[in-house]
Amino acid sequence: LCIIYDVSMLLQSVQHYHRNKCYFLKLWGLRIAQMSDWMGNLSNDLKSQPITSLAIPGTHNSAAYSLDDSRNLHPYAVSSFVRLLSSFPHLKTTFYRWSITQNVSFTGQLLRGIRYFDLRVVVDDNDQHNFCHGLYGIAVKSGLEEIAQFLDSHSCEVVLLDFNHLYGYNTQKQHNELIAIIENTLGESRILSVNCKDFSPVSLDYLANRRKQVIIFYHCTDAIERKAWMCHGHFCASFWPNSSVSHSIIDYHDKQLNLVQGCLSTSRFHVTQLVLTPKYFDVVKNPRIGLHSFIGRANQEFVFWLKTIQERKWKPNVVIMDFFDEIDFCESVLQFNGL
């Protein structure tokens, strides 16, 4: 009888497990569906407002999930002495741990609600264009293909691509190659052409009526032949606290928002960087743990801060974070839009 009872309880437990599993998978599917089309789900009122007045979740060093630890550091990452040290396997592993900032691919980020991408690109001696963060990452073409595929199936969504670090681009030819990759992969017709002095007139409705889904910031001070879709870097002001201490970062952004009384200008985008910036001393002191462990509870503190400024009726524009998928970051940002 005991054996029969135990088997019966085991079967009930298995059934209960499967019911719960199906329930949570259904909830997860609903969550992904909501987050993957959040722009399309906004109210008509918000769709008619400047896109610079929306709260938009983004990622810091967005392509760093793809870093390749089998390759050496790219030549513009650090000093030649540090690059030499990184040729030793154990030290290269340390650089890898401290360079990774995301867990999730471009597709995964988009499905979870990310719409701003912080991009660093390097061209190597073989004229190969890769995303990077110290180490080489995924090819630019491959990364942009993921974004293009997402936009093909989510026609109401818009992405902001911020090419803010271009390493090794010393000639017009190199820029032309990167420009061709961007245009051919994303589709030039889908990229917004910048023909205004500010972004105040640009809303989601404005973009939808013109079938535009991509806004590109191309930071380059060199005298290159600029395309009509290249937004200057000054249209995307990024507030970088440059601190490895979470409360210092929060204080910094509190002061920034207080300066504008919680209301940012709609003439350009404003990026709030909720990211720790480790110093060399932090890496030397903690070579084995990596950035992920170094961040610790900081992301939770940042999300809590987002909730406090919402109570104060302050509203950020673009907000970026490392390892965003491990906390309810996107949901916390989108609450400013009433979602």
Protein backbone atom coordinates (compact mmCIF):
# COMPACT_ATOMS: atom_id res chain seq x y z
CA LEU A 1 0.00 0.00 0.00
CA CYS A 2 2.84 2.34 0.82
CA ILE A 3 4.40 1.69 -2.58
CA ILE A 4 1.09 2.39 -4.36
CA TYR A 5 0.68 5.60 -2.34
CA ASP A 6 4.22 6.75 -3.18
CA VAL A 7 3.68 6.07 -6.88
CA SER A 8 0.37 7.95 -6.79
CA MET A 9 2.00 10.97 -5.13
CA LEU A 10 4.83 10.86 -7.64
CA LEU A 11 2.37 10.88 -10.55
CA GLN A 12 0.48 13.80 -9.00
CA SER A 13 3.75 15.69 -8.55
CA VAL A 14 4.68 15.10 -12.19
CA GLN A 15 1.26 16.29 -13.36
CA HIS A 16 1.51 19.34 -11.08
CA TYR A 17 4.99 20.11 -12.45
CA HIS A 18 3.80 19.94 -16.06
CA ARG A 19 0.76 22.13 -15.33
CA ASN A 20 2.98 24.74 -13.67
CA LYS A 21 5.52 24.49 -16.45
CA CYS A 22 2.85 25.08 -19.10
CA TYR A 23 1.44 27.97 -17.07
CA PHE A 24 4.80 29.71 -16.71
CA LEU A 25 5.68 29.10 -20.36
CA LYS A 26 2.36 30.66 -21.32
CA LEU A 27 3.07 33.67 -19.09
CA TRP A 28 6.58 33.96 -20.56
CA GLY A 29 5.14 33.82 -24.09
CA LEU A 30 2.66 36.59 -23.25
CA ARG A 31 5.42 38.69 -21.73
CA ILE A 32 7.64 38.30 -24.80
CA ALA A 33 4.69 39.14 -27.06
CA GLN A 34 4.00 42.33 -25.09
CA MET A 35 7.63 43.42 -24.94
CA SER A 36 8.43 42.62 -28.57
CA ASP A 37 5.72 45.02 -29.80
CA TRP A 38 5.61 47.60 -27.04
CA MET A 39 5.90 50.58 -29.38
CA GLY A 40 2.96 49.37 -31.42
CA ASN A 41 0.98 48.92 -28.20
CA LEU A 42 1.43 52.52 -27.01
CA SER A 43 -1.57 54.83 -26.85
CA ASN A 44 -2.35 57.02 -29.86
CA ASP A 45 -1.45 60.04 -27.77
CA LEU A 46 2.08 58.76 -27.08
CA LYS A 47 2.55 57.73 -30.71
CA SER A 48 1.93 61.34 -31.75
CA GLN A 49 4.42 62.78 -29.25
CA PRO A 50 8.13 63.28 -30.03
CA ILE A 51 9.99 59.99 -29.83
CA THR A 52 12.54 61.82 -27.69
CA SER A 53 9.86 62.17 -24.99
CA LEU A 54 9.35 58.41 -24.70
CA ALA A 55 11.12 56.22 -22.18
CA ILE A 56 13.17 53.73 -24.22
CA PRO A 57 15.14 50.78 -22.78
CA GLY A 58 18.58 50.16 -24.22
CA THR A 59 21.75 48.19 -23.63
CA HIS A 60 25.33 49.23 -22.96
CA ASN A 61 27.94 47.67 -25.26
CA SER A 62 25.05 45.88 -26.89
CA ALA A 63 27.12 43.43 -28.97
CA ALA A 64 29.45 42.37 -26.16
CA TYR A 65 27.51 39.11 -25.71
CA SER A 66 29.33 37.87 -28.82
CA LEU A 67 32.97 38.51 -27.85
CA ASP A 68 35.42 35.90 -29.10
CA ASP A 69 38.03 34.94 -26.49
CA SER A 70 39.93 32.87 -29.07
CA ARG A 71 41.17 36.09 -30.72
CA ASN A 72 43.53 38.71 -29.36
CA LEU A 73 42.37 42.11 -28.20
CA HIS A 74 41.85 44.52 -31.04
CA PRO A 75 44.76 47.01 -31.44
CA TYR A 76 42.76 50.07 -30.32
CA ALA A 77 41.44 48.53 -27.09
CA VAL A 78 44.28 49.21 -24.66
CA SER A 79 47.99 49.96 -24.55
CA SER A 80 50.42 47.74 -26.44
CA PHE A 81 51.82 46.53 -23.11
CA VAL A 82 48.41 45.34 -21.92
CA ARG A 83 47.78 43.68 -25.29
CA LEU A 84 51.06 41.83 -24.87
CA LEU A 85 50.02 40.64 -21.41
CA SER A 86 46.66 39.51 -22.78
CA SER A 87 48.40 37.06 -25.08
CA PHE A 88 48.85 34.81 -22.03
CA PRO A 89 45.78 32.51 -21.82
CA HIS A 90 44.91 33.17 -18.16
CA LEU A 91 45.13 36.93 -18.59
CA LYS A 92 43.06 36.83 -21.78
CA THR A 93 40.37 35.02 -19.81
CA THR A 94 40.42 37.88 -17.32
CA PHE A 95 39.95 40.46 -20.09
CA TYR A 96 37.09 38.39 -21.47
CA ARG A 97 35.31 38.24 -18.11
CA TRP A 98 35.58 42.00 -17.68
CA SER A 99 34.55 42.82 -21.27
CA ILE A 100 31.28 40.87 -21.44
CA THR A 101 28.36 43.20 -20.67
CA GLN A 102 25.34 41.31 -22.06
CA ASN A 103 24.03 37.74 -22.05
CA VAL A 104 21.53 38.02 -24.86
CA SER A 105 21.83 38.29 -28.67
CA PHE A 106 20.40 41.20 -30.67
CA THR A 107 17.29 39.14 -31.38
CA GLY A 108 16.86 38.29 -27.71
CA GLN A 109 17.30 41.92 -26.72
CA LEU A 110 14.70 43.08 -29.24
CA LEU A 111 12.18 40.46 -28.13
CA ARG A 112 12.62 41.59 -24.53
CA GLY A 113 11.94 45.25 -25.41
CA ILE A 114 15.36 46.79 -26.06
CA ARG A 115 15.21 49.52 -28.73
CA TYR A 116 18.49 51.44 -28.28
CA PHE A 117 21.81 49.80 -29.10
CA ASP A 118 25.20 51.14 -28.02
CA LEU A 119 27.58 49.96 -30.75
CA ARG A 120 31.38 49.88 -31.01
CA VAL A 121 32.89 48.79 -34.32
CA VAL A 122 36.44 47.97 -35.36
CA VAL A 123 37.93 47.34 -38.80
CA ASP A 124 40.90 44.96 -38.80
CA ASP A 125 43.88 44.66 -41.12
CA ASN A 126 41.87 42.41 -43.43
CA ASP A 127 39.12 45.04 -43.75
CA GLN A 128 36.72 42.91 -41.72
CA HIS A 129 34.14 44.96 -39.79
CA ASN A 130 33.23 43.59 -36.38
CA PHE A 131 31.48 44.79 -33.27
CA CYS A 132 33.85 44.93 -30.34
CA HIS A 133 34.54 45.73 -26.73
CA GLY A 134 38.21 45.16 -26.16
CA LEU A 135 37.89 41.79 -27.90
CA TYR A 136 36.41 41.17 -31.34
CA GLY A 137 32.73 40.28 -31.51
CA ILE A 138 30.20 39.29 -34.13
CA ALA A 139 30.52 40.63 -37.70
CA VAL A 140 28.58 43.87 -38.22
CA LYS A 141 26.66 42.33 -41.11
CA SER A 142 25.55 39.35 -39.02
CA GLY A 143 24.40 41.53 -36.15
CA LEU A 144 22.46 43.89 -38.38
CA GLU A 145 20.83 40.94 -40.15
CA GLU A 146 19.28 39.94 -36.82
CA ILE A 147 17.90 43.45 -36.36
CA ALA A 148 16.56 43.57 -39.94
CA GLN A 149 14.80 40.22 -39.53
CA PHE A 150 13.12 41.43 -36.35
CA LEU A 151 11.94 44.66 -38.01
CA ASP A 152 10.55 42.67 -40.96
CA SER A 153 8.10 40.95 -38.62
CA HIS A 154 7.44 43.89 -36.24
CA SER A 155 6.44 46.75 -38.53
CA CYS A 156 5.48 49.18 -35.73
CA GLU A 157 8.82 48.98 -33.91
CA VAL A 158 11.70 51.47 -34.27
CA VAL A 159 15.34 50.97 -33.27
CA LEU A 160 18.06 53.48 -32.44
CA LEU A 161 21.53 52.37 -33.53
CA ASP A 162 24.30 54.44 -31.95
CA PHE A 163 27.64 53.84 -33.71
CA ASN A 164 29.57 55.85 -31.15
CA HIS A 165 33.01 54.23 -31.30
CA LEU A 166 34.62 53.56 -34.68
CA TYR A 167 38.09 52.05 -34.27
CA GLY A 168 40.56 51.99 -37.16
CA TYR A 169 38.41 53.97 -39.60
CA ASN A 170 41.10 56.19 -41.06
CA THR A 171 40.04 56.38 -44.71
CA GLN A 172 36.92 57.19 -46.70
CA LYS A 173 37.12 53.70 -48.21
CA GLN A 174 36.79 52.08 -44.79
CA HIS A 175 33.80 54.26 -43.94
CA ASN A 176 32.23 53.48 -47.31
CA GLU A 177 32.54 49.76 -46.64
CA LEU A 178 30.79 50.09 -43.28
CA ILE A 179 28.14 52.38 -44.77
CA ALA A 180 27.46 49.83 -47.53
CA ILE A 181 27.02 47.07 -44.94
CA ILE A 182 24.55 49.24 -42.99
CA GLU A 183 22.53 50.24 -46.04
CA ASN A 184 22.48 46.85 -47.75
CA THR A 185 21.65 44.90 -44.59
CA LEU A 186 19.03 47.14 -43.03
CA GLY A 187 17.66 48.59 -46.26
CA GLU A 188 18.38 52.26 -46.89
CA SER A 189 14.69 53.01 -47.43
CA ARG A 190 13.98 51.96 -43.84
CA ILE A 191 16.48 54.42 -42.32
CA LEU A 192 15.29 57.90 -41.36
CA SER A 193 16.96 60.71 -43.33
CA VAL A 194 17.85 63.64 -41.12
CA ASN A 195 16.48 66.80 -42.67
CA CYS A 196 15.63 68.75 -39.54
CA LYS A 197 17.61 70.68 -36.96
CA ASP A 198 16.00 68.81 -34.09
CA PHE A 199 13.95 65.70 -33.39
CA SER A 200 10.91 67.44 -31.91
CA PRO A 201 8.73 66.76 -35.01
CA VAL A 202 9.71 63.07 -35.13
CA SER A 203 7.12 60.80 -33.51
CA LEU A 204 6.23 57.13 -33.97
CA ASP A 205 3.34 58.25 -36.19
CA TYR A 206 5.75 60.41 -38.21
CA LEU A 207 8.04 57.43 -38.72
CA ALA A 208 5.22 54.98 -39.48
CA ASN A 209 3.74 57.28 -42.13
CA ARG A 210 7.12 57.32 -43.87
CA ARG A 211 7.80 53.61 -43.26
CA LYS A 212 10.95 54.35 -41.29
CA GLN A 213 12.09 51.98 -38.57
CA VAL A 214 15.74 52.85 -38.01
CA ILE A 215 17.47 55.94 -36.65
CA ILE A 216 21.27 55.87 -36.86
CA PHE A 217 23.78 57.99 -34.98
CA TYR A 218 27.18 57.92 -36.65
CA HIS A 219 29.86 59.51 -34.49
CA CYS A 220 32.72 60.55 -36.69
CA THR A 221 34.66 63.80 -36.55
CA ASP A 222 36.70 62.99 -39.65
CA ALA A 223 35.97 64.83 -42.87
CA ILE A 224 34.02 61.99 -44.48
CA GLU A 225 31.27 62.15 -47.05
CA ARG A 226 28.18 61.96 -44.87
CA LYS A 227 24.96 60.23 -45.87
CA ALA A 228 21.56 61.83 -45.36
CA TRP A 229 20.69 59.25 -42.68
CA MET A 230 23.77 59.91 -40.54
CA CYS A 231 22.62 61.68 -37.40
CA HIS A 232 25.39 63.66 -35.75
CA GLY A 233 26.45 62.57 -32.29
CA HIS A 234 25.17 65.80 -30.73
CA PHE A 235 21.62 64.59 -31.46
CA CYS A 236 22.21 61.84 -28.89
CA ALA A 237 23.57 63.23 -25.62
CA SER A 238 24.86 60.44 -23.39
CA PHE A 239 25.32 61.03 -19.67
CA TRP A 240 28.20 58.87 -18.42
CA PRO A 241 28.90 58.97 -14.66
CA ASN A 242 32.27 57.19 -15.07
CA SER A 243 32.07 55.61 -11.63
CA SER A 244 32.38 52.11 -10.23
CA VAL A 245 30.13 52.90 -7.25
CA SER A 246 26.36 52.56 -7.66
CA HIS A 247 25.30 55.32 -5.26
CA SER A 248 27.65 57.78 -7.02
CA ILE A 249 26.00 56.92 -10.33
CA ILE A 250 22.54 57.47 -8.86
CA ASP A 251 23.61 60.83 -7.36
CA TYR A 252 25.04 61.87 -10.72
CA HIS A 253 21.82 61.15 -12.60
CA ASP A 254 19.72 62.74 -9.87
CA LYS A 255 21.65 65.96 -10.40
CA GLN A 256 21.35 65.70 -14.18
CA LEU A 257 17.59 65.31 -14.05
CA ASN A 258 17.29 67.98 -11.38
CA LEU A 259 19.10 70.46 -13.63
CA VAL A 260 16.36 70.13 -16.21
CA GLN A 261 13.68 69.81 -13.52
CA GLY A 262 12.89 66.30 -14.64
CA CYS A 263 11.86 67.40 -18.13
CA LEU A 264 14.36 66.77 -20.92
CA SER A 265 14.39 68.75 -24.17
CA THR A 266 12.70 66.94 -27.06
CA SER A 267 15.11 68.37 -29.66
CA ARG A 268 17.51 65.46 -29.17
CA PHE A 269 17.83 62.08 -27.47
CA HIS A 270 19.22 61.79 -23.94
CA VAL A 271 20.87 58.58 -22.75
CA THR A 272 20.99 57.77 -19.03
CA GLN A 273 23.79 55.27 -18.43
CA LEU A 274 23.02 53.07 -15.43
CA VAL A 275 26.33 51.24 -15.73
CA LEU A 276 29.32 50.67 -13.49
CA THR A 277 32.69 51.62 -14.99
CA PRO A 278 35.37 49.51 -13.28
CA LYS A 279 38.81 51.01 -12.87
CA TYR A 280 42.10 49.21 -13.48
CA PHE A 281 42.43 48.76 -9.73
CA ASP A 282 39.08 46.95 -9.63
CA VAL A 283 40.23 44.50 -12.29
CA VAL A 284 43.64 43.89 -10.71
CA LYS A 285 42.03 43.38 -7.32
CA ASN A 286 39.35 41.01 -8.64
CA PRO A 287 40.83 39.29 -11.72
CA ARG A 288 38.77 36.12 -11.37
CA ILE A 289 35.27 37.45 -10.84
CA GLY A 290 34.60 39.52 -13.97
CA LEU A 291 32.17 42.38 -14.59
CA HIS A 292 29.04 40.30 -13.99
CA SER A 293 29.96 39.51 -10.39
CA PHE A 294 31.43 42.99 -9.85
CA ILE A 295 28.06 44.57 -10.66
CA GLY A 296 26.41 42.47 -7.96
CA ARG A 297 23.27 44.16 -6.62
CA ALA A 298 23.90 47.46 -8.42
CA ASN A 299 21.30 46.75 -11.13
CA GLN A 300 18.65 46.20 -8.47
CA GLU A 301 19.56 49.57 -6.96
CA PHE A 302 19.28 51.21 -10.38
CA VAL A 303 15.83 49.73 -11.00
CA PHE A 304 14.70 50.88 -7.55
CA TRP A 305 15.97 54.39 -8.44
CA LEU A 306 13.90 54.33 -11.63
CA LYS A 307 10.82 53.68 -9.52
CA THR A 308 11.65 56.55 -7.17
CA ILE A 309 12.04 59.12 -9.95
CA GLN A 310 8.73 57.97 -11.40
CA GLU A 311 7.12 58.93 -8.08
CA ARG A 312 8.76 62.35 -8.43
CA LYS A 313 7.16 62.71 -11.88
CA TRP A 314 10.56 62.71 -13.60
CA LYS A 315 10.86 60.94 -16.92
CA PRO A 316 14.09 59.81 -18.60
CA ASN A 317 14.45 59.22 -22.32
CA VAL A 318 16.82 56.36 -23.25
CA VAL A 319 18.06 54.28 -20.30
CA ILE A 320 20.81 51.66 -20.71
CA MET A 321 22.13 48.89 -18.50
CA ASP A 322 24.49 45.89 -18.48
CA PHE A 323 23.01 42.38 -18.09
CA PHE A 324 19.54 43.88 -18.39
CA ASP A 325 17.83 40.50 -18.79
CA GLU A 326 18.50 39.41 -15.21
CA ILE A 327 16.13 41.97 -13.71
CA ASP A 328 12.85 43.70 -14.62
CA PHE A 329 14.72 46.53 -16.32
CA CYS A 330 12.65 46.93 -19.48
CA GLU A 331 9.40 46.79 -17.54
CA SER A 332 10.66 49.46 -15.14
CA VAL A 333 11.60 51.79 -18.00
CA LEU A 334 8.39 51.23 -19.94
CA GLN A 335 6.26 52.07 -16.90
CA PHE A 336 7.10 55.71 -17.66
CA ASN A 337 5.06 55.22 -20.84
CA GLY A 338 2.13 53.78 -18.95
CA LEU A 339 2.83 50.18 -19.97
